[in-house]
Amino acid sequence: MNLLDKATDWTNQTNEERAEMCAIFLHTFNLMTAGEQYRTRHRIRVCADSQRECRARVKP
């Protein structure tokens, strides 16, 4: 899944933003701990940053 693509069912948001909101939602309802939420959001950002770097190298 490309985290930088627009999310199809959420207007003007990327998959990265959607994934982060899902992690926040799960933490809000005590379905993941604060530490798990932090690690999950960090991994999402790392993946998206990597994808941004790849896009920057490809575009002229």
C-alpha atoms as a PDB file:
ATOM      1  CA  MET A   1       0.000   0.000   0.000  1.00  0.00           C
ATOM      2  CA  ASN A   2       1.322   3.412  -0.908  1.00  0.00           C
ATOM      3  CA  LEU A   3       0.778   5.688   2.092  1.00  0.00           C
ATOM      4  CA  LEU A   4       1.132   8.817   0.001  1.00  0.00           C
ATOM      5  CA  ASP A   5      -1.821   8.097  -2.310  1.00  0.00           C
ATOM      6  CA  LYS A   6      -5.093   9.843  -1.610  1.00  0.00           C
ATOM      7  CA  ALA A   7      -7.430   7.736   0.469  1.00  0.00           C
ATOM      8  CA  THR A   8     -10.398   6.848  -1.710  1.00  0.00           C
ATOM      9  CA  ASP A   9     -13.128   7.251   0.877  1.00  0.00           C
ATOM     10  CA  TRP A  10     -11.713  10.196   2.859  1.00  0.00           C
ATOM     11  CA  THR A  11     -11.553  13.437   0.924  1.00  0.00           C
ATOM     12  CA  ASN A  12      -8.154  15.130   0.632  1.00  0.00           C
ATOM     13  CA  GLN A  13      -6.337  12.767   2.987  1.00  0.00           C
ATOM     14  CA  THR A  14      -3.484  10.398   2.295  1.00  0.00           C
ATOM     15  CA  ASN A  15      -3.305   6.797   3.411  1.00  0.00           C
ATOM     16  CA  GLU A  16      -0.578   7.946   5.818  1.00  0.00           C
ATOM     17  CA  GLU A  17      -2.998  10.340   7.531  1.00  0.00           C
ATOM     18  CA  ARG A  18      -5.731   7.711   7.598  1.00  0.00           C
ATOM     19  CA  ALA A  19      -3.416   5.107   9.145  1.00  0.00           C
ATOM     20  CA  GLU A  20      -2.284   7.539  11.838  1.00  0.00           C
ATOM     21  CA  MET A  21      -5.896   8.402  12.656  1.00  0.00           C
ATOM     22  CA  CYS A  22      -6.717   4.707  12.927  1.00  0.00           C
ATOM     23  CA  ALA A  23      -3.889   4.240  15.446  1.00  0.00           C
ATOM     24  CA  ILE A  24      -5.198   7.213  17.450  1.00  0.00           C
ATOM     25  CA  PHE A  25      -8.726   5.760  17.312  1.00  0.00           C
ATOM     26  CA  LEU A  26      -7.538   2.361  18.573  1.00  0.00           C
ATOM     27  CA  HIS A  27      -5.681   3.999  21.451  1.00  0.00           C
ATOM     28  CA  THR A  28      -8.691   6.183  22.307  1.00  0.00           C
ATOM     29  CA  PHE A  29     -10.789   3.068  22.837  1.00  0.00           C
ATOM     30  CA  ASN A  30      -8.021   1.277  24.770  1.00  0.00           C
ATOM     31  CA  LEU A  31      -7.443  -1.250  21.998  1.00  0.00           C
ATOM     32  CA  MET A  32      -3.733  -0.420  21.996  1.00  0.00           C
ATOM     33  CA  THR A  33      -1.472   1.045  24.626  1.00  0.00           C
ATOM     34  CA  ALA A  34       0.130   4.476  24.370  1.00  0.00           C
ATOM     35  CA  GLY A  35       3.456   2.793  23.592  1.00  0.00           C
ATOM     36  CA  GLU A  36       1.933   0.669  20.850  1.00  0.00           C
ATOM     37  CA  GLN A  37       0.279   3.735  19.367  1.00  0.00           C
ATOM     38  CA  TYR A  38       3.565   5.649  19.395  1.00  0.00           C
ATOM     39  CA  ARG A  39       5.455   2.773  17.757  1.00  0.00           C
ATOM     40  CA  THR A  40       2.719   2.270  15.161  1.00  0.00           C
ATOM     41  CA  ARG A  41       2.587   5.944  14.223  1.00  0.00           C
ATOM     42  CA  HIS A  42       6.388   6.076  14.078  1.00  0.00           C
ATOM     43  CA  ARG A  43       6.490   3.086  11.700  1.00  0.00           C
ATOM     44  CA  ILE A  44       3.829   4.702   9.503  1.00  0.00           C
ATOM     45  CA  ARG A  45       5.870   7.919   9.292  1.00  0.00           C
ATOM     46  CA  VAL A  46       9.100   6.032   8.542  1.00  0.00           C
ATOM     47  CA  CYS A  47       7.428   4.140   5.708  1.00  0.00           C
ATOM     48  CA  ALA A  48       5.834   7.285   4.279  1.00  0.00           C
ATOM     49  CA  ASP A  49       9.125   9.206   4.543  1.00  0.00           C
ATOM     50  CA  SER A  50      10.853   6.429   2.631  1.00  0.00           C
ATOM     51  CA  GLN A  51       8.177   6.611  -0.059  1.00  0.00           C
ATOM     52  CA  ARG A  52       8.570  10.409  -0.229  1.00  0.00           C
ATOM     53  CA  GLU A  53      12.320  10.002  -0.722  1.00  0.00           C
ATOM     54  CA  CYS A  54      11.738   7.511  -3.545  1.00  0.00           C
ATOM     55  CA  ARG A  55       9.300   9.893  -5.247  1.00  0.00           C
ATOM     56  CA  ALA A  56      11.746  12.784  -4.915  1.00  0.00           C
ATOM     57  CA  ARG A  57      14.493  10.764  -6.646  1.00  0.00           C
ATOM     58  CA  VAL A  58      12.208   9.757  -9.527  1.00  0.00           C
ATOM     59  CA  LYS A  59      10.722  13.184 -10.313  1.00  0.00           C
ATOM     60  CA  PRO A  60      12.888  15.575 -12.374  1.00  0.00           C
END
